Each structure stands twice: as C-alpha cells, then as structure tokens.
C-alpha cells in the first residue's frame, strides 16, 4: 500500500459507528481515496523502506485509520474536509499526515484541503501563461497597423508627387 501511495493522512476514528464507517468508506471511495483501519504495528511494518517510513519512527497510540491517495497529494485532506461538512454525527480527527516522506501537522492537512483542485490550479497557471502571449499579440498587431499605415502614407506621397 505505502509503496504506491502519494500521500497518507492518519486519523482517529474512535466513536464512529460501524454504519458511519461504511458511509465514510463509501465517501472516500467516491473521491478515489482509500480509507483503512489498521493496527499500529502493521502500519509501521508496512511503511518500512517507503517514503512513509516516518510512521516507523513515531509512536502511534490508539486506533488509527489511514486515508491514502495513489494519485493526488491533496486528495486525502480534501476528502476528509468534505466528509467533515456532512451531517455525520462523529467525524475522524486528523492526527497528522505524510506527503512525500514529510510529516505534516493537522493544520497543514487543513491548509491542503483549502487549496483549489488540481484542475483549477492548472487553469490558473495556463491563464497566467496566456496573459503575456495575448499582450504580445496585441503589441504585434499594433506595430503591423502602424507599418501598414506608414507604407500607405509613403505610397500616397509618391503617387501625389508623381514619382
């Protein structure tokens, strides 16, 4: 699991009923994120020799769940934040996260969830690139108009002087 993962968020799921856990798993699955309840020792063992090896160094206490994404770095944070907005009575509490081998705090996980989607960020980046191109085309068109106007004036002057 950890060998393919891009990011993981550890959360405490205590107090969530079996029915709510099923609903939570379904919610996560719908966002291409995997939700797993794991034993702490198994999580530590599975993380060895992966970018998530930091789990082996940290003392995990109590029941934990892992919210794992194999594609998108911010997907687990966004999925948990979306679930927190539902009418569920009890929600998982973020303990911390790991992105590309770096431990991040619950506040950082929350900040990630507030980022625009990957598609929105790409759109913003492309519009930034498009701005200078559009400006360049405008300047180039303006220069062409001036050149055509100058050539027309020269031709008119030659025509009126008979030359």
Protein backbone atom coordinates (compact mmCIF):
# COMPACT_ATOMS: atom_id res chain seq x y z
CA UNK A 1 0.00 0.00 0.00
CA UNK A 2 2.69 2.55 1.02
CA UNK A 3 4.94 1.73 -1.93
CA UNK A 4 2.37 3.17 -4.38
CA UNK A 5 0.91 5.91 -2.17
CA UNK A 6 1.44 9.63 -2.87
CA UNK A 7 0.10 10.83 0.47
CA UNK A 8 -1.40 9.49 3.69
CA UNK A 9 -3.41 11.15 6.43
CA UNK A 10 -3.68 9.42 9.81
CA UNK A 11 -6.95 9.95 11.62
CA UNK A 12 -8.57 8.80 14.85
CA UNK A 13 -11.87 7.13 14.10
CA UNK A 14 -12.89 6.34 17.70
CA UNK A 15 -16.57 6.77 18.39
CA UNK A 16 -17.65 6.27 14.79
CA UNK A 17 -20.25 3.52 14.49
CA UNK A 18 -19.90 0.64 12.02
CA UNK A 19 -22.70 2.11 9.92
CA UNK A 20 -20.98 5.52 9.81
CA UNK A 21 -17.64 3.83 8.95
CA UNK A 22 -19.32 2.19 5.97
CA UNK A 23 -20.65 5.58 4.89
CA UNK A 24 -17.18 7.11 5.40
CA UNK A 25 -15.52 4.39 3.30
CA UNK A 26 -18.07 4.97 0.54
CA UNK A 27 -17.43 8.72 0.68
CA UNK A 28 -13.68 8.19 0.39
CA UNK A 29 -14.03 5.64 -2.41
CA UNK A 30 -16.09 8.16 -4.38
CA UNK A 31 -13.12 10.54 -4.22
CA UNK A 32 -10.53 7.94 -5.34
CA UNK A 33 -9.12 7.74 -1.83
CA UNK A 34 -8.70 4.60 0.23
CA UNK A 35 -9.83 4.52 3.87
CA UNK A 36 -8.32 1.75 6.00
CA UNK A 37 -8.48 0.93 9.67
CA UNK A 38 -5.12 -0.62 10.57
CA UNK A 39 -3.21 -1.89 13.55
CA UNK A 40 -0.38 0.45 14.51
CA UNK A 41 2.28 -2.29 14.35
CA UNK A 42 1.14 -3.33 10.87
CA UNK A 43 1.24 0.29 9.68
CA UNK A 44 4.79 0.64 10.99
CA UNK A 45 5.93 -2.59 9.34
CA UNK A 46 4.25 -1.78 6.03
CA UNK A 47 5.86 1.65 5.91
CA UNK A 48 9.45 0.34 6.08
CA UNK A 49 11.59 1.14 3.02
CA UNK A 50 8.97 3.51 1.60
CA UNK A 51 8.65 7.31 1.63
CA UNK A 52 6.29 6.79 4.61
CA UNK A 53 8.93 5.17 6.79
CA UNK A 54 8.43 8.03 9.24
CA UNK A 55 5.49 6.00 10.57
CA UNK A 56 8.01 3.50 11.92
CA UNK A 57 9.75 6.20 13.96
CA UNK A 58 6.60 7.67 15.52
CA UNK A 59 4.80 6.19 18.49
CA UNK A 60 1.28 5.57 17.27
CA UNK A 61 -1.25 5.30 20.07
CA UNK A 62 -4.84 4.18 19.98
CA UNK A 63 -6.87 3.13 16.98
CA UNK A 64 -5.92 4.83 13.74
CA UNK A 65 -7.19 4.91 10.22
CA UNK A 66 -5.24 5.73 7.11
CA UNK A 67 -6.63 7.83 4.31
CA UNK A 68 -4.45 7.04 1.31
CA UNK A 69 -4.20 8.51 -2.17
CA UNK A 70 -2.30 6.89 -5.01
CA UNK A 71 -2.79 9.75 -7.48
CA UNK A 72 -3.25 13.15 -5.88
CA UNK A 73 -1.22 14.59 -2.98
CA UNK A 74 -4.08 16.62 -1.54
CA UNK A 75 -6.93 14.15 -2.13
CA UNK A 76 -6.95 12.65 1.40
CA UNK A 77 -7.07 16.11 3.01
CA UNK A 78 -9.85 17.26 0.68
CA UNK A 79 -11.84 14.04 1.17
CA UNK A 80 -11.67 14.36 4.97
CA UNK A 81 -12.63 18.05 4.81
CA UNK A 82 -15.59 17.21 2.55
CA UNK A 83 -16.72 14.49 4.94
CA UNK A 84 -16.46 16.92 7.85
CA UNK A 85 -19.09 19.06 6.10
CA UNK A 86 -21.61 16.18 6.03
CA UNK A 87 -24.25 15.55 8.66
CA UNK A 88 -22.32 12.63 10.20
CA UNK A 89 -22.53 12.62 13.99
CA UNK A 90 -18.86 11.76 14.51
CA UNK A 91 -16.04 12.59 12.15
CA UNK A 92 -12.46 11.31 12.00
CA UNK A 93 -9.96 13.55 13.77
CA UNK A 94 -6.75 14.20 11.85
CA UNK A 95 -3.67 13.15 13.81
CA UNK A 96 -1.14 14.12 11.12
CA UNK A 97 -0.24 13.41 7.53
CA UNK A 98 2.69 12.33 5.41
CA UNK A 99 3.39 13.76 1.98
CA UNK A 100 6.42 12.57 0.04
CA UNK A 101 8.12 11.38 3.23
CA UNK A 102 7.49 14.56 5.23
CA UNK A 103 5.29 14.63 8.32
CA UNK A 104 2.72 17.43 8.32
CA UNK A 105 0.55 18.73 11.14
CA UNK A 106 -3.25 18.69 11.29
CA UNK A 107 -3.16 22.43 10.50
CA UNK A 108 -1.12 21.69 7.36
CA UNK A 109 -3.61 18.98 6.38
CA UNK A 110 -6.40 21.56 6.76
CA UNK A 111 -4.45 24.07 4.66
CA UNK A 112 -4.04 21.45 1.92
CA UNK A 113 -7.78 20.83 1.92
CA UNK A 114 -8.36 24.54 1.29
CA UNK A 115 -6.24 24.55 -1.89
CA UNK A 116 -8.05 24.72 -5.22
CA UNK A 117 -8.35 21.48 -7.16
CA UNK A 118 -5.55 20.31 -9.42
CA UNK A 119 -7.63 21.27 -12.48
CA UNK A 120 -8.26 24.76 -11.09
CA UNK A 121 -4.54 25.26 -10.38
CA UNK A 122 -3.66 24.15 -13.93
CA UNK A 123 -6.27 26.55 -15.31
CA UNK A 124 -4.80 29.41 -13.25
CA UNK A 125 -1.31 28.59 -14.45
CA UNK A 126 -2.38 28.44 -18.10
CA UNK A 127 -4.20 31.76 -17.84
CA UNK A 128 -1.02 33.26 -16.39
CA UNK A 129 0.93 31.99 -19.38
CA UNK A 130 -1.76 33.19 -21.76
CA UNK A 131 -1.65 36.79 -20.49
CA UNK A 132 1.81 37.68 -21.85
CA UNK A 133 1.03 35.89 -25.11
CA UNK A 134 -2.15 37.91 -25.55
CA UNK A 135 -0.26 41.11 -24.76
CA UNK A 136 2.44 40.19 -27.28
CA UNK A 137 -0.17 39.58 -30.00
CA UNK A 138 -1.76 42.96 -29.23
CA UNK A 139 1.57 44.79 -29.45
CA UNK A 140 2.48 42.92 -32.64
CA UNK A 141 -0.88 43.80 -34.25
CA UNK A 142 -0.42 47.43 -33.26
CA UNK A 143 3.05 47.51 -34.90
CA UNK A 144 1.66 45.90 -38.04
CA UNK A 145 -1.12 48.53 -38.24
CA UNK A 146 1.45 51.31 -37.88
CA UNK A 147 3.66 49.72 -40.57
CA UNK A 148 0.72 49.37 -42.96
CA UNK A 149 -0.31 52.97 -42.24
CA UNK A 150 3.25 54.20 -42.86
CA UNK A 151 3.51 52.24 -46.12
CA UNK A 152 0.15 53.60 -47.25
CA UNK A 153 1.30 57.16 -46.46
CA UNK A 154 4.57 56.64 -48.37
CA UNK A 155 2.68 55.20 -51.35
CA UNK A 156 0.21 58.08 -51.29
CA UNK A 157 3.01 60.64 -51.12
CA UNK A 158 4.82 59.00 -54.07
CA UNK A 159 1.54 58.91 -56.01
CA UNK A 160 0.83 62.60 -55.37
CA UNK A 161 4.36 63.74 -56.27
CA UNK A 162 4.31 61.69 -59.44
CA UNK A 163 7.35 59.73 -58.53
